Amino acid sequence: MTDNCIFYTDNWDSFAKVLPKDRHVIGKSHTPAIERDNSNTRHNIARFTRRTKVVSHKKEMVDRSIKLWVNFQNHTVFEKYRDALLSIF
């Protein structure tokens, strides 16, 4: 699953020791895009905004929430479910 991932990190020796050199990028140049994605996810999945609110302690529910969020970010998946739902009306 992580065969095609790129790892963006700080310049810490521990990262360099465990991450493959060809997929390890050191620096802050990609931070805004990564943080924008994290922010959008936190905004849209309430359970990740604060631990004192809307938190399910069941791993299964957290996993399902993430899967639902990922599927709704994929427009082809969203359109399929949207069309199915709208066909009821």
N, C-alpha and C. Protein backbone atom coordinates (compact mmCIF):
# COMPACT_ATOMS: atom_id res chain seq x y z
N MET A 1 0.82 -1.19 0.00
CA MET A 1 0.00 0.00 0.00
C MET A 1 0.86 1.26 0.00
N THR A 2 2.01 1.24 0.63
CA THR A 2 2.86 2.43 0.69
C THR A 2 3.96 2.40 -0.37
N ASP A 3 3.85 1.54 -1.38
CA ASP A 3 4.89 1.41 -2.39
C ASP A 3 5.06 2.67 -3.23
N ASN A 4 4.00 3.45 -3.40
CA ASN A 4 4.12 4.64 -4.23
C ASN A 4 3.97 5.93 -3.43
N CYS A 5 4.07 5.86 -2.13
CA CYS A 5 3.94 7.04 -1.27
C CYS A 5 5.24 7.83 -1.23
N ILE A 6 5.06 9.14 -1.08
CA ILE A 6 6.19 10.03 -0.85
C ILE A 6 6.08 10.49 0.59
N PHE A 7 7.19 10.49 1.31
CA PHE A 7 7.21 10.88 2.71
C PHE A 7 7.84 12.26 2.84
N TYR A 8 7.09 13.23 3.34
CA TYR A 8 7.57 14.60 3.53
C TYR A 8 7.82 14.79 5.02
N THR A 9 9.07 15.09 5.39
CA THR A 9 9.41 15.20 6.81
C THR A 9 10.38 16.34 7.06
N ASP A 10 10.64 16.54 8.35
CA ASP A 10 11.70 17.45 8.77
C ASP A 10 13.04 16.75 8.60
N ASN A 11 14.10 17.46 8.83
CA ASN A 11 15.44 16.90 8.68
C ASN A 11 15.90 16.24 9.98
N TRP A 12 15.23 15.19 10.37
CA TRP A 12 15.59 14.44 11.58
C TRP A 12 16.30 13.16 11.17
N ASP A 13 17.32 12.81 11.88
CA ASP A 13 18.07 11.60 11.56
C ASP A 13 17.21 10.35 11.62
N SER A 14 16.28 10.32 12.54
CA SER A 14 15.44 9.12 12.70
C SER A 14 14.60 8.86 11.45
N PHE A 15 14.12 9.91 10.76
CA PHE A 15 13.36 9.70 9.53
C PHE A 15 14.26 9.13 8.45
N ALA A 16 15.45 9.67 8.33
CA ALA A 16 16.38 9.22 7.29
C ALA A 16 16.77 7.75 7.49
N LYS A 17 16.77 7.30 8.72
CA LYS A 17 17.16 5.91 9.00
C LYS A 17 16.09 4.90 8.59
N VAL A 18 14.82 5.29 8.63
CA VAL A 18 13.76 4.30 8.39
C VAL A 18 13.02 4.48 7.07
N LEU A 19 13.10 5.65 6.46
CA LEU A 19 12.37 5.89 5.21
C LEU A 19 13.27 5.66 4.00
N PRO A 20 12.70 5.13 2.92
CA PRO A 20 13.51 4.91 1.71
C PRO A 20 13.95 6.25 1.11
N LYS A 21 15.23 6.33 0.75
CA LYS A 21 15.81 7.59 0.26
C LYS A 21 15.12 8.12 -1.00
N ASP A 22 14.69 7.23 -1.89
CA ASP A 22 14.09 7.67 -3.14
C ASP A 22 12.67 8.22 -2.97
N ARG A 23 12.06 8.00 -1.82
CA ARG A 23 10.70 8.50 -1.56
C ARG A 23 10.64 9.41 -0.35
N HIS A 24 11.78 9.90 0.10
CA HIS A 24 11.84 10.75 1.28
C HIS A 24 12.22 12.16 0.86
N VAL A 25 11.32 13.13 1.11
CA VAL A 25 11.57 14.53 0.78
C VAL A 25 11.68 15.31 2.08
N ILE A 26 12.79 16.00 2.26
CA ILE A 26 13.02 16.78 3.47
C ILE A 26 12.75 18.25 3.15
N GLY A 27 11.92 18.88 3.97
CA GLY A 27 11.66 20.31 3.78
C GLY A 27 10.23 20.68 4.08
N LYS A 28 9.97 21.98 3.99
CA LYS A 28 8.66 22.52 4.31
C LYS A 28 7.88 22.95 3.07
N SER A 29 8.41 22.72 1.87
CA SER A 29 7.79 23.25 0.66
C SER A 29 6.39 22.68 0.41
N HIS A 30 6.10 21.48 0.86
CA HIS A 30 4.80 20.87 0.62
C HIS A 30 3.85 21.00 1.81
N THR A 31 4.29 21.65 2.87
CA THR A 31 3.49 21.77 4.09
C THR A 31 2.14 22.43 3.85
N PRO A 32 2.03 23.55 3.12
CA PRO A 32 0.71 24.18 2.96
C PRO A 32 -0.34 23.26 2.34
N ALA A 33 0.04 22.51 1.31
CA ALA A 33 -0.92 21.60 0.66
C ALA A 33 -1.34 20.48 1.60
N ILE A 34 -0.38 19.92 2.33
CA ILE A 34 -0.69 18.83 3.26
C ILE A 34 -1.59 19.34 4.38
N GLU A 35 -1.25 20.50 4.94
CA GLU A 35 -2.05 21.05 6.04
C GLU A 35 -3.44 21.48 5.56
N ARG A 36 -3.56 21.94 4.31
CA ARG A 36 -4.87 22.29 3.76
C ARG A 36 -5.75 21.04 3.71
N ASP A 37 -5.18 19.93 3.25
CA ASP A 37 -5.94 18.68 3.20
C ASP A 37 -6.33 18.22 4.60
N ASN A 38 -5.39 18.31 5.54
CA ASN A 38 -5.71 17.93 6.93
C ASN A 38 -6.80 18.81 7.49
N SER A 39 -6.74 20.10 7.21
CA SER A 39 -7.75 21.04 7.70
C SER A 39 -9.12 20.74 7.12
N ASN A 40 -9.18 20.46 5.84
CA ASN A 40 -10.46 20.11 5.21
C ASN A 40 -11.04 18.84 5.82
N THR A 41 -10.19 17.87 6.07
CA THR A 41 -10.66 16.63 6.68
C THR A 41 -11.20 16.88 8.08
N ARG A 42 -10.45 17.63 8.89
CA ARG A 42 -10.93 17.94 10.25
C ARG A 42 -12.22 18.73 10.22
N HIS A 43 -12.34 19.64 9.27
CA HIS A 43 -13.54 20.46 9.18
C HIS A 43 -14.76 19.61 8.83
N ASN A 44 -14.58 18.65 7.94
CA ASN A 44 -15.71 17.88 7.45
C ASN A 44 -16.02 16.62 8.25
N ILE A 45 -15.09 16.17 9.04
CA ILE A 45 -15.35 15.02 9.90
C ILE A 45 -15.28 15.51 11.34
N ALA A 46 -16.41 15.75 11.92
CA ALA A 46 -16.49 16.39 13.24
C ALA A 46 -15.75 15.61 14.32
N ARG A 47 -15.69 14.32 14.19
CA ARG A 47 -15.06 13.53 15.25
C ARG A 47 -13.57 13.82 15.37
N PHE A 48 -12.96 14.49 14.38
CA PHE A 48 -11.54 14.79 14.44
C PHE A 48 -11.24 16.23 14.87
N THR A 49 -12.27 17.00 15.18
CA THR A 49 -12.01 18.39 15.54
C THR A 49 -11.54 18.53 16.98
N ARG A 50 -12.22 17.91 17.92
CA ARG A 50 -11.81 17.97 19.33
C ARG A 50 -12.13 16.64 19.98
N ARG A 51 -11.30 16.22 20.89
CA ARG A 51 -11.55 14.95 21.57
C ARG A 51 -12.75 15.03 22.49
N THR A 52 -13.14 16.21 22.93
CA THR A 52 -14.25 16.32 23.86
C THR A 52 -15.59 16.37 23.15
N LYS A 53 -15.59 16.40 21.83
CA LYS A 53 -16.84 16.47 21.08
C LYS A 53 -16.91 15.36 20.04
N VAL A 54 -18.07 14.82 19.83
CA VAL A 54 -18.40 13.94 18.72
C VAL A 54 -17.37 12.83 18.51
N VAL A 55 -16.92 12.24 19.55
CA VAL A 55 -15.89 11.21 19.42
C VAL A 55 -16.48 9.84 19.74
N SER A 56 -16.29 8.93 18.84
CA SER A 56 -16.63 7.55 19.10
C SER A 56 -15.34 6.84 19.46
N HIS A 57 -15.36 6.09 20.50
CA HIS A 57 -14.16 5.37 20.91
C HIS A 57 -14.01 4.04 20.17
N LYS A 58 -14.99 3.71 19.34
CA LYS A 58 -14.90 2.45 18.60
C LYS A 58 -14.10 2.66 17.32
N LYS A 59 -13.06 1.86 17.17
CA LYS A 59 -12.20 1.96 15.99
C LYS A 59 -13.01 1.75 14.71
N GLU A 60 -13.96 0.85 14.75
CA GLU A 60 -14.79 0.56 13.58
C GLU A 60 -15.53 1.82 13.09
N MET A 61 -16.05 2.62 14.01
CA MET A 61 -16.78 3.82 13.63
C MET A 61 -15.84 4.89 13.06
N VAL A 62 -14.65 4.99 13.62
CA VAL A 62 -13.66 5.94 13.08
C VAL A 62 -13.27 5.51 11.67
N ASP A 63 -13.01 4.22 11.48
CA ASP A 63 -12.65 3.69 10.16
C ASP A 63 -13.76 3.95 9.15
N ARG A 64 -15.00 3.73 9.54
CA ARG A 64 -16.13 3.95 8.63
C ARG A 64 -16.27 5.43 8.27
N SER A 65 -16.05 6.30 9.24
CA SER A 65 -16.14 7.74 8.97
C SER A 65 -15.09 8.16 7.95
N ILE A 66 -13.88 7.64 8.10
CA ILE A 66 -12.81 7.98 7.16
C ILE A 66 -13.14 7.44 5.77
N LYS A 67 -13.63 6.21 5.69
CA LYS A 67 -13.99 5.63 4.38
C LYS A 67 -15.10 6.44 3.72
N LEU A 68 -16.09 6.86 4.50
CA LEU A 68 -17.18 7.66 3.96
C LEU A 68 -16.64 9.00 3.45
N TRP A 69 -15.79 9.64 4.22
CA TRP A 69 -15.19 10.92 3.82
C TRP A 69 -14.39 10.76 2.53
N VAL A 70 -13.57 9.72 2.43
CA VAL A 70 -12.75 9.50 1.23
C VAL A 70 -13.64 9.26 0.02
N ASN A 71 -14.70 8.48 0.20
CA ASN A 71 -15.59 8.21 -0.93
C ASN A 71 -16.33 9.45 -1.39
N PHE A 72 -16.70 10.32 -0.48
CA PHE A 72 -17.39 11.55 -0.88
C PHE A 72 -16.43 12.54 -1.51
N GLN A 73 -15.13 12.41 -1.26
CA GLN A 73 -14.15 13.26 -1.92
C GLN A 73 -13.92 12.83 -3.36
N ASN A 74 -14.22 11.58 -3.67
CA ASN A 74 -14.11 11.05 -5.03
C ASN A 74 -15.43 11.35 -5.74
N HIS A 75 -15.42 12.28 -6.69
CA HIS A 75 -16.66 12.76 -7.30
C HIS A 75 -17.43 11.67 -8.02
N THR A 76 -16.76 10.69 -8.62
CA THR A 76 -17.49 9.63 -9.32
C THR A 76 -18.27 8.77 -8.33
N VAL A 77 -17.71 8.50 -7.18
CA VAL A 77 -18.42 7.73 -6.15
C VAL A 77 -19.59 8.56 -5.62
N PHE A 78 -19.33 9.84 -5.33
CA PHE A 78 -20.38 10.71 -4.80
C PHE A 78 -21.54 10.81 -5.78
N GLU A 79 -21.25 10.99 -7.06
CA GLU A 79 -22.31 11.13 -8.06
C GLU A 79 -23.14 9.86 -8.16
N LYS A 80 -22.51 8.71 -8.02
CA LYS A 80 -23.25 7.44 -8.06
C LYS A 80 -24.28 7.38 -6.94
N TYR A 81 -23.85 7.70 -5.72
CA TYR A 81 -24.77 7.67 -4.59
C TYR A 81 -25.79 8.81 -4.66
N ARG A 82 -25.35 9.97 -5.13
CA ARG A 82 -26.28 11.09 -5.30
C ARG A 82 -27.39 10.73 -6.27
N ASP A 83 -27.03 10.15 -7.41
CA ASP A 83 -28.01 9.77 -8.41
C ASP A 83 -28.96 8.71 -7.88
N ALA A 84 -28.43 7.76 -7.13
CA ALA A 84 -29.29 6.72 -6.54
C ALA A 84 -30.29 7.33 -5.57
N LEU A 85 -29.81 8.25 -4.75
CA LEU A 85 -30.68 8.89 -3.77
C LEU A 85 -31.73 9.76 -4.46
N LEU A 86 -31.33 10.54 -5.44
CA LEU A 86 -32.26 11.41 -6.13
C LEU A 86 -33.29 10.65 -6.94
N SER A 87 -32.97 9.42 -7.35
CA SER A 87 -33.93 8.64 -8.13
C SER A 87 -35.14 8.23 -7.29
N ILE A 88 -35.01 8.28 -5.98
CA ILE A 88 -36.13 7.95 -5.08
C ILE A 88 -37.23 9.01 -5.21
N PHE A 89 -36.80 10.25 -5.41
CA PHE A 89 -37.76 11.35 -5.49
C PHE A 89 -38.24 11.50 -6.89
